[in-house]
Amino acid sequence: MKESNVKHLLLFPDRSLFVGALSDNGMHSHHALQIVCSQEPVSIQTEKGTLESSLTVIAPNVRHAVSGNHPAQSILLIDGESSLCQSIEASTLVKNDVLTLEYPASFPSLISPGCQSSLEWMDALLSKLPGNPHTSRPVSLDPRIASACAYIQKDPDLKASLIELAQHTGLSEGRFTHLFKEQMGIPLRKYILWLRLRKSVSALQHGMSLTDAAHEAGFADQAHMSRSFKESFGSSPADLLTARGNVRITFCQDGAD
């Protein structure tokens, strides 16, 4: 398969980035803020009408459909509870549900993305949005939060509780909750959900059924897993598997390639 035909899906704890041709089949909504970026105009359908734009920012929970099908287009989904989403809503969207902009002059498309190169590209794109939303990340994690993340990942059931983690790090529950979101960009429960989604994708890629993968990752059932996928990444696991032959899925924890 030619590299130009390969689609990429990079999954970070607080965001996901799809690079390649992709069109939605119908109107839908999810709990993530969405940015559609392409050097060629993309058609965005909302309940208020159809827009043509090369750069569109869509607030969480807004019904929409993307009709662009350009090989170099990028679709960025940012978790609705993340610090970054809240910054973009406050500084860029203000009170708008949908904002259309011009593609930044001389801004490059993202080709053959890796974790670190994608983070750099996303931060460069976000810095060009109106209001210049805050995009900085800690250079390195606080050792207590790094230790908590390792503790969570060692639990085969991914069910570490707030009380356990606070005791593990020597912090009060309130201080741990605040520091975790400050360092990771998302609440603790959203990070654990991301780990479960990552585990379910691995199970699916190793040939498990949707039902078995859901149970393997600690979801109540297949419907719970599929709903969580849709809310986090804008697509169901079945949609991803259908396109798996030409979609490269990469989980990015800390920006390292």
C-alpha atoms as a PDB file:
ATOM      1  CA  MET A   1       0.000   0.000   0.000  1.00  0.00           C
ATOM      2  CA  LYS A   2       1.313   3.438  -0.882  1.00  0.00           C
ATOM      3  CA  GLU A   3       2.254   5.617   2.092  1.00  0.00           C
ATOM      4  CA  SER A   4       0.082   8.430   0.665  1.00  0.00           C
ATOM      5  CA  ASN A   5      -2.979   6.166   1.035  1.00  0.00           C
ATOM      6  CA  VAL A   6      -2.298   5.316   4.662  1.00  0.00           C
ATOM      7  CA  LYS A   7      -4.461   7.018   7.271  1.00  0.00           C
ATOM      8  CA  HIS A   8      -3.184   7.723  10.769  1.00  0.00           C
ATOM      9  CA  LEU A   9      -5.015   7.836  14.088  1.00  0.00           C
ATOM     10  CA  LEU A  10      -2.948   9.009  17.053  1.00  0.00           C
ATOM     11  CA  LEU A  11      -4.567   8.656  20.469  1.00  0.00           C
ATOM     12  CA  PHE A  12      -3.330  10.827  23.348  1.00  0.00           C
ATOM     13  CA  PRO A  13      -4.852  10.912  26.859  1.00  0.00           C
ATOM     14  CA  ASP A  14      -6.497  14.300  26.241  1.00  0.00           C
ATOM     15  CA  ARG A  15      -6.938  14.301  22.441  1.00  0.00           C
ATOM     16  CA  SER A  16      -6.911  12.246  19.275  1.00  0.00           C
ATOM     17  CA  LEU A  17      -5.685  13.191  15.811  1.00  0.00           C
ATOM     18  CA  PHE A  18      -6.847  11.616  12.551  1.00  0.00           C
ATOM     19  CA  VAL A  19      -4.826  12.378   9.431  1.00  0.00           C
ATOM     20  CA  GLY A  20      -6.167  11.345   6.024  1.00  0.00           C
ATOM     21  CA  ALA A  21      -9.343  11.199   3.971  1.00  0.00           C
ATOM     22  CA  LEU A  22     -12.441  10.770   6.116  1.00  0.00           C
ATOM     23  CA  SER A  23     -16.112  11.640   5.654  1.00  0.00           C
ATOM     24  CA  ASP A  24     -18.886  11.167   8.205  1.00  0.00           C
ATOM     25  CA  ASN A  25     -21.960   9.271   7.038  1.00  0.00           C
ATOM     26  CA  GLY A  26     -24.457  11.294   9.031  1.00  0.00           C
ATOM     27  CA  MET A  27     -25.072  13.950  11.643  1.00  0.00           C
ATOM     28  CA  HIS A  28     -23.667  13.100  15.063  1.00  0.00           C
ATOM     29  CA  SER A  29     -22.265  14.702  18.194  1.00  0.00           C
ATOM     30  CA  HIS A  30     -19.695  13.749  20.837  1.00  0.00           C
ATOM     31  CA  HIS A  31     -18.221  15.179  24.014  1.00  0.00           C
ATOM     32  CA  ALA A  32     -15.002  16.340  22.365  1.00  0.00           C
ATOM     33  CA  LEU A  33     -14.163  19.711  20.831  1.00  0.00           C
ATOM     34  CA  GLN A  34     -13.338  19.149  17.152  1.00  0.00           C
ATOM     35  CA  ILE A  35     -10.999  21.026  14.812  1.00  0.00           C
ATOM     36  CA  VAL A  36     -11.084  20.176  11.095  1.00  0.00           C
ATOM     37  CA  CYS A  37      -8.037  21.426   9.192  1.00  0.00           C
ATOM     38  CA  SER A  38      -7.312  21.098   5.471  1.00  0.00           C
ATOM     39  CA  GLN A  39      -5.543  23.151   2.811  1.00  0.00           C
ATOM     40  CA  GLU A  40      -8.672  22.650   0.690  1.00  0.00           C
ATOM     41  CA  PRO A  41     -12.149  23.718   1.905  1.00  0.00           C
ATOM     42  CA  VAL A  42     -14.140  21.088   3.780  1.00  0.00           C
ATOM     43  CA  SER A  43     -17.943  20.970   3.960  1.00  0.00           C
ATOM     44  CA  ILE A  44     -19.275  21.021   7.534  1.00  0.00           C
ATOM     45  CA  GLN A  45     -22.984  20.401   8.020  1.00  0.00           C
ATOM     46  CA  THR A  46     -24.633  21.590  11.248  1.00  0.00           C
ATOM     47  CA  GLU A  47     -28.229  22.006  12.334  1.00  0.00           C
ATOM     48  CA  LYS A  48     -27.948  25.673  11.302  1.00  0.00           C
ATOM     49  CA  GLY A  49     -26.791  24.912   7.753  1.00  0.00           C
ATOM     50  CA  THR A  50     -23.728  23.925   5.727  1.00  0.00           C
ATOM     51  CA  LEU A  51     -20.387  25.714   5.921  1.00  0.00           C
ATOM     52  CA  GLU A  52     -17.332  25.557   3.646  1.00  0.00           C
ATOM     53  CA  SER A  53     -14.061  26.184   5.422  1.00  0.00           C
ATOM     54  CA  SER A  54     -10.428  25.093   5.491  1.00  0.00           C
ATOM     55  CA  LEU A  55     -10.259  25.454   9.291  1.00  0.00           C
ATOM     56  CA  THR A  56     -13.290  24.854  11.502  1.00  0.00           C
ATOM     57  CA  VAL A  57     -13.582  24.704  15.295  1.00  0.00           C
ATOM     58  CA  ILE A  58     -16.668  22.883  16.623  1.00  0.00           C
ATOM     59  CA  ALA A  59     -17.684  23.012  20.287  1.00  0.00           C
ATOM     60  CA  PRO A  60     -18.436  19.802  22.227  1.00  0.00           C
ATOM     61  CA  ASN A  61     -21.918  18.271  21.855  1.00  0.00           C
ATOM     62  CA  VAL A  62     -22.723  20.167  18.634  1.00  0.00           C
ATOM     63  CA  ARG A  63     -24.376  17.984  15.988  1.00  0.00           C
ATOM     64  CA  HIS A  64     -22.391  18.001  12.746  1.00  0.00           C
ATOM     65  CA  ALA A  65     -21.158  16.000   9.763  1.00  0.00           C
ATOM     66  CA  VAL A  66     -17.858  16.387   7.889  1.00  0.00           C
ATOM     67  CA  SER A  67     -17.989  15.864   4.118  1.00  0.00           C
ATOM     68  CA  GLY A  68     -14.379  16.622   3.256  1.00  0.00           C
ATOM     69  CA  ASN A  69     -12.412  13.729   1.815  1.00  0.00           C
ATOM     70  CA  HIS A  70      -8.947  15.194   1.304  1.00  0.00           C
ATOM     71  CA  PRO A  71      -5.909  12.922   1.807  1.00  0.00           C
ATOM     72  CA  ALA A  72      -4.008  15.514   3.846  1.00  0.00           C
ATOM     73  CA  GLN A  73      -6.857  16.748   6.038  1.00  0.00           C
ATOM     74  CA  SER A  74      -6.530  16.520   9.802  1.00  0.00           C
ATOM     75  CA  ILE A  75      -9.291  16.083  12.366  1.00  0.00           C
ATOM     76  CA  LEU A  76      -8.333  16.912  15.934  1.00  0.00           C
ATOM     77  CA  LEU A  77     -10.609  15.871  18.819  1.00  0.00           C
ATOM     78  CA  ILE A  78      -9.912  17.361  22.248  1.00  0.00           C
ATOM     79  CA  ASP A  79     -11.533  15.867  25.349  1.00  0.00           C
ATOM     80  CA  GLY A  80     -14.369  18.072  26.553  1.00  0.00           C
ATOM     81  CA  GLU A  81     -13.212  17.935  30.187  1.00  0.00           C
ATOM     82  CA  SER A  82      -9.579  18.711  29.404  1.00  0.00           C
ATOM     83  CA  SER A  83      -7.795  21.922  30.359  1.00  0.00           C
ATOM     84  CA  LEU A  84      -7.004  22.513  26.680  1.00  0.00           C
ATOM     85  CA  CYS A  85     -10.649  22.266  25.613  1.00  0.00           C
ATOM     86  CA  GLN A  86     -11.695  24.710  28.316  1.00  0.00           C
ATOM     87  CA  SER A  87      -8.971  27.124  27.188  1.00  0.00           C
ATOM     88  CA  ILE A  88     -10.095  26.975  23.539  1.00  0.00           C
ATOM     89  CA  GLU A  89     -13.753  27.447  24.470  1.00  0.00           C
ATOM     90  CA  ALA A  90     -12.913  30.497  26.583  1.00  0.00           C
ATOM     91  CA  SER A  91     -10.342  32.191  24.338  1.00  0.00           C
ATOM     92  CA  THR A  92     -11.259  31.100  20.785  1.00  0.00           C
ATOM     93  CA  LEU A  93     -14.895  30.031  20.591  1.00  0.00           C
ATOM     94  CA  VAL A  94     -16.050  32.452  23.306  1.00  0.00           C
ATOM     95  CA  LYS A  95     -19.842  32.005  22.844  1.00  0.00           C
ATOM     96  CA  ASN A  96     -19.772  30.382  19.387  1.00  0.00           C
ATOM     97  CA  ASP A  97     -20.790  26.787  18.713  1.00  0.00           C
ATOM     98  CA  VAL A  98     -18.924  26.700  15.398  1.00  0.00           C
ATOM     99  CA  LEU A  99     -16.146  28.992  14.190  1.00  0.00           C
ATOM    100  CA  THR A 100     -14.813  29.010  10.597  1.00  0.00           C
ATOM    101  CA  LEU A 101     -11.354  30.412   9.848  1.00  0.00           C
ATOM    102  CA  GLU A 102      -8.888  30.678   6.996  1.00  0.00           C
ATOM    103  CA  TYR A 103      -6.159  28.043   6.765  1.00  0.00           C
ATOM    104  CA  PRO A 104      -2.981  29.680   8.182  1.00  0.00           C
ATOM    105  CA  ALA A 105      -0.709  30.971   5.425  1.00  0.00           C
ATOM    106  CA  SER A 106       2.225  28.649   4.657  1.00  0.00           C
ATOM    107  CA  PHE A 107       1.127  26.244   7.390  1.00  0.00           C
ATOM    108  CA  PRO A 108       2.219  22.695   6.466  1.00  0.00           C
ATOM    109  CA  SER A 109       0.043  19.597   6.319  1.00  0.00           C
ATOM    110  CA  LEU A 110       0.999  16.788   8.673  1.00  0.00           C
ATOM    111  CA  ILE A 111       2.362  13.832   6.703  1.00  0.00           C
ATOM    112  CA  SER A 112       3.415  10.457   8.213  1.00  0.00           C
ATOM    113  CA  PRO A 113       2.908  11.735  11.759  1.00  0.00           C
ATOM    114  CA  GLY A 114       4.606  10.438  14.890  1.00  0.00           C
ATOM    115  CA  CYS A 115       3.732  11.253  18.496  1.00  0.00           C
ATOM    116  CA  GLN A 116       6.244  14.055  19.043  1.00  0.00           C
ATOM    117  CA  SER A 117       5.894  15.581  15.577  1.00  0.00           C
ATOM    118  CA  SER A 118       2.103  15.545  15.958  1.00  0.00           C
ATOM    119  CA  LEU A 119       2.254  17.322  19.315  1.00  0.00           C
ATOM    120  CA  GLU A 120       4.480  20.003  17.811  1.00  0.00           C
ATOM    121  CA  TRP A 121       2.163  20.386  14.799  1.00  0.00           C
ATOM    122  CA  MET A 122      -0.943  20.583  17.012  1.00  0.00           C
ATOM    123  CA  ASP A 123       0.623  23.185  19.304  1.00  0.00           C
ATOM    124  CA  ALA A 124       1.674  25.249  16.253  1.00  0.00           C
ATOM    125  CA  LEU A 125      -1.876  25.066  14.871  1.00  0.00           C
ATOM    126  CA  LEU A 126      -3.508  25.942  18.188  1.00  0.00           C
ATOM    127  CA  SER A 127      -1.167  28.921  18.637  1.00  0.00           C
ATOM    128  CA  LYS A 128      -2.648  30.400  15.446  1.00  0.00           C
ATOM    129  CA  LEU A 129      -6.236  30.292  16.718  1.00  0.00           C
ATOM    130  CA  PRO A 130      -7.888  33.546  17.848  1.00  0.00           C
ATOM    131  CA  GLY A 131      -7.088  34.219  21.476  1.00  0.00           C
ATOM    132  CA  ASN A 132      -3.996  31.973  21.284  1.00  0.00           C
ATOM    133  CA  PRO A 133      -5.312  29.324  23.718  1.00  0.00           C
ATOM    134  CA  HIS A 134      -2.870  28.069  26.330  1.00  0.00           C
ATOM    135  CA  THR A 135      -1.172  24.931  24.991  1.00  0.00           C
ATOM    136  CA  SER A 136       1.874  24.453  27.212  1.00  0.00           C
ATOM    137  CA  ARG A 137       2.510  21.059  28.808  1.00  0.00           C
ATOM    138  CA  PRO A 138       4.836  20.165  31.685  1.00  0.00           C
ATOM    139  CA  VAL A 139       8.323  19.381  30.405  1.00  0.00           C
ATOM    140  CA  SER A 140       8.360  16.414  32.771  1.00  0.00           C
ATOM    141  CA  LEU A 141       5.726  15.020  35.102  1.00  0.00           C
ATOM    142  CA  ASP A 142       5.783  15.622  38.813  1.00  0.00           C
ATOM    143  CA  PRO A 143       7.357  12.413  40.223  1.00  0.00           C
ATOM    144  CA  ARG A 144       4.255  11.776  42.339  1.00  0.00           C
ATOM    145  CA  ILE A 145       1.976  11.893  39.296  1.00  0.00           C
ATOM    146  CA  ALA A 146       4.393   9.784  37.253  1.00  0.00           C
ATOM    147  CA  SER A 147       4.369   7.224  40.081  1.00  0.00           C
ATOM    148  CA  ALA A 148       0.556   7.312  40.195  1.00  0.00           C
ATOM    149  CA  CYS A 149       0.319   6.680  36.440  1.00  0.00           C
ATOM    150  CA  ALA A 150       2.659   3.699  36.770  1.00  0.00           C
ATOM    151  CA  TYR A 151       0.582   2.408  39.704  1.00  0.00           C
ATOM    152  CA  ILE A 152      -2.631   2.656  37.674  1.00  0.00           C
ATOM    153  CA  GLN A 153      -1.129   0.883  34.663  1.00  0.00           C
ATOM    154  CA  LYS A 154       0.145  -2.023  36.779  1.00  0.00           C
ATOM    155  CA  ASP A 155      -3.403  -2.814  37.909  1.00  0.00           C
ATOM    156  CA  PRO A 156      -4.652  -5.478  35.434  1.00  0.00           C
ATOM    157  CA  ASP A 157      -8.258  -4.383  35.983  1.00  0.00           C
ATOM    158  CA  LEU A 158      -7.474  -0.636  35.756  1.00  0.00           C
ATOM    159  CA  LYS A 159      -9.587   0.025  38.838  1.00  0.00           C
ATOM    160  CA  ALA A 160      -7.218   1.971  41.074  1.00  0.00           C
ATOM    161  CA  SER A 161      -9.284   4.293  43.272  1.00  0.00           C
ATOM    162  CA  LEU A 162      -8.698   7.921  44.212  1.00  0.00           C
ATOM    163  CA  ILE A 163      -8.149   6.881  47.836  1.00  0.00           C
ATOM    164  CA  GLU A 164      -5.482   4.333  46.823  1.00  0.00           C
ATOM    165  CA  LEU A 165      -3.669   6.823  44.602  1.00  0.00           C
ATOM    166  CA  ALA A 166      -3.726   9.605  47.170  1.00  0.00           C
ATOM    167  CA  GLN A 167      -2.263   7.235  49.759  1.00  0.00           C
ATOM    168  CA  HIS A 168       0.314   5.992  47.240  1.00  0.00           C
ATOM    169  CA  THR A 169       1.542   9.509  46.524  1.00  0.00           C
ATOM    170  CA  GLY A 170       1.251  10.852  50.070  1.00  0.00           C
ATOM    171  CA  LEU A 171      -1.172  13.578  48.988  1.00  0.00           C
ATOM    172  CA  SER A 172      -4.647  14.436  50.183  1.00  0.00           C
ATOM    173  CA  GLU A 173      -7.410  13.385  47.814  1.00  0.00           C
ATOM    174  CA  GLY A 174      -8.177  17.003  46.950  1.00  0.00           C
ATOM    175  CA  ARG A 175      -4.542  17.920  46.284  1.00  0.00           C
ATOM    176  CA  PHE A 176      -3.983  14.763  44.230  1.00  0.00           C
ATOM    177  CA  THR A 177      -7.090  15.451  42.100  1.00  0.00           C
ATOM    178  CA  HIS A 178      -5.953  19.025  41.385  1.00  0.00           C
ATOM    179  CA  LEU A 179      -2.328  18.110  40.674  1.00  0.00           C
ATOM    180  CA  PHE A 180      -3.283  15.198  38.419  1.00  0.00           C
ATOM    181  CA  LYS A 181      -5.411  17.359  36.124  1.00  0.00           C
ATOM    182  CA  GLU A 182      -2.827  20.143  36.180  1.00  0.00           C
ATOM    183  CA  GLN A 183      -0.105  17.718  35.064  1.00  0.00           C
ATOM    184  CA  MET A 184      -2.074  15.394  32.763  1.00  0.00           C
ATOM    185  CA  GLY A 185      -4.580  17.872  31.341  1.00  0.00           C
ATOM    186  CA  ILE A 186      -7.586  15.650  32.108  1.00  0.00           C
ATOM    187  CA  PRO A 187      -9.324  14.334  35.253  1.00  0.00           C
ATOM    188  CA  LEU A 188      -8.220  11.026  36.767  1.00  0.00           C
ATOM    189  CA  ARG A 189     -11.302   9.112  35.614  1.00  0.00           C
ATOM    190  CA  LYS A 190     -10.772  10.253  32.024  1.00  0.00           C
ATOM    191  CA  TYR A 191      -7.162   9.036  32.135  1.00  0.00           C
ATOM    192  CA  ILE A 192      -8.293   5.623  33.385  1.00  0.00           C
ATOM    193  CA  LEU A 193     -10.937   5.535  30.641  1.00  0.00           C
ATOM    194  CA  TRP A 194      -8.200   6.264  28.066  1.00  0.00           C
ATOM    195  CA  LEU A 195      -6.157   3.345  29.411  1.00  0.00           C
ATOM    196  CA  ARG A 196      -9.202   1.078  29.096  1.00  0.00           C
ATOM    197  CA  LEU A 197      -9.795   2.206  25.524  1.00  0.00           C
ATOM    198  CA  ARG A 198      -6.125   1.582  24.753  1.00  0.00           C
ATOM    199  CA  LYS A 199      -6.392  -1.914  26.248  1.00  0.00           C
ATOM    200  CA  SER A 200      -9.539  -2.679  24.247  1.00  0.00           C
ATOM    201  CA  VAL A 201      -7.893  -1.576  20.977  1.00  0.00           C
ATOM    202  CA  SER A 202      -4.950  -3.880  21.712  1.00  0.00           C
ATOM    203  CA  ALA A 203      -7.365  -6.745  22.359  1.00  0.00           C
ATOM    204  CA  LEU A 204      -9.234  -6.055  19.114  1.00  0.00           C
ATOM    205  CA  GLN A 205      -6.000  -5.912  17.161  1.00  0.00           C
ATOM    206  CA  HIS A 206      -5.103  -9.332  18.577  1.00  0.00           C
ATOM    207  CA  GLY A 207      -8.313 -10.818  17.213  1.00  0.00           C
ATOM    208  CA  MET A 208     -10.712 -10.620  20.151  1.00  0.00           C
ATOM    209  CA  SER A 209     -14.400  -9.991  19.497  1.00  0.00           C
ATOM    210  CA  LEU A 210     -15.930  -6.651  20.488  1.00  0.00           C
ATOM    211  CA  THR A 211     -17.631  -8.307  23.469  1.00  0.00           C
ATOM    212  CA  ASP A 212     -14.482 -10.039  24.713  1.00  0.00           C
ATOM    213  CA  ALA A 213     -12.377  -6.904  24.184  1.00  0.00           C
ATOM    214  CA  ALA A 214     -14.884  -4.873  26.215  1.00  0.00           C
ATOM    215  CA  HIS A 215     -14.690  -7.303  29.140  1.00  0.00           C
ATOM    216  CA  GLU A 216     -10.903  -7.547  28.852  1.00  0.00           C
ATOM    217  CA  ALA A 217     -10.638  -3.772  29.250  1.00  0.00           C
ATOM    218  CA  GLY A 218     -13.043  -3.549  32.187  1.00  0.00           C
ATOM    219  CA  PHE A 219     -16.127  -2.185  30.414  1.00  0.00           C
ATOM    220  CA  ALA A 220     -19.557  -3.404  31.513  1.00  0.00           C
ATOM    221  CA  ASP A 221     -20.377  -4.599  28.000  1.00  0.00           C
ATOM    222  CA  GLN A 222     -19.778  -3.959  24.290  1.00  0.00           C
ATOM    223  CA  ALA A 223     -22.293  -1.094  24.220  1.00  0.00           C
ATOM    224  CA  HIS A 224     -20.468   0.682  27.049  1.00  0.00           C
ATOM    225  CA  MET A 225     -17.148   0.360  25.216  1.00  0.00           C
ATOM    226  CA  SER A 226     -18.572   1.530  21.886  1.00  0.00           C
ATOM    227  CA  ARG A 227     -20.274   4.515  23.504  1.00  0.00           C
ATOM    228  CA  SER A 228     -17.038   5.505  25.247  1.00  0.00           C
ATOM    229  CA  PHE A 229     -15.147   5.252  21.957  1.00  0.00           C
ATOM    230  CA  LYS A 230     -17.657   7.458  20.177  1.00  0.00           C
ATOM    231  CA  GLU A 231     -17.629  10.073  22.919  1.00  0.00           C
ATOM    232  CA  SER A 232     -13.825  10.166  23.106  1.00  0.00           C
ATOM    233  CA  PHE A 233     -12.718   9.700  19.499  1.00  0.00           C
ATOM    234  CA  GLY A 234     -15.772  10.439  17.362  1.00  0.00           C
ATOM    235  CA  SER A 235     -15.834   6.898  15.942  1.00  0.00           C
ATOM    236  CA  SER A 236     -16.923   3.507  17.207  1.00  0.00           C
ATOM    237  CA  PRO A 237     -14.431   0.611  17.471  1.00  0.00           C
ATOM    238  CA  ALA A 238     -16.370  -1.114  14.672  1.00  0.00           C
ATOM    239  CA  ASP A 239     -15.745   1.913  12.429  1.00  0.00           C
ATOM    240  CA  LEU A 240     -12.041   1.807  13.215  1.00  0.00           C
ATOM    241  CA  LEU A 241     -11.823  -1.916  12.565  1.00  0.00           C
ATOM    242  CA  THR A 242     -13.622  -1.573   9.248  1.00  0.00           C
ATOM    243  CA  ALA A 243     -10.893   0.793   8.120  1.00  0.00           C
ATOM    244  CA  ARG A 244      -8.056  -0.969   9.946  1.00  0.00           C
ATOM    245  CA  GLY A 245      -6.484  -2.135   6.680  1.00  0.00           C
ATOM    246  CA  ASN A 246      -5.345   1.391   5.919  1.00  0.00           C
ATOM    247  CA  VAL A 247      -5.443   3.133   9.311  1.00  0.00           C
ATOM    248  CA  ARG A 248      -2.360   3.073  11.514  1.00  0.00           C
ATOM    249  CA  ILE A 249      -3.387   3.441  15.160  1.00  0.00           C
ATOM    250  CA  THR A 250      -0.763   4.792  17.548  1.00  0.00           C
ATOM    251  CA  PHE A 251      -1.128   5.395  21.288  1.00  0.00           C
ATOM    252  CA  CYS A 252       0.949   8.321  22.502  1.00  0.00           C
ATOM    253  CA  GLN A 253       1.448   8.637  26.247  1.00  0.00           C
ATOM    254  CA  ASP A 254       4.006  11.380  26.643  1.00  0.00           C
ATOM    255  CA  GLY A 255       4.885  12.660  23.182  1.00  0.00           C
ATOM    256  CA  ALA A 256       7.811  10.325  22.556  1.00  0.00           C
ATOM    257  CA  ASP A 257       7.979   8.732  19.112  1.00  0.00           C
END
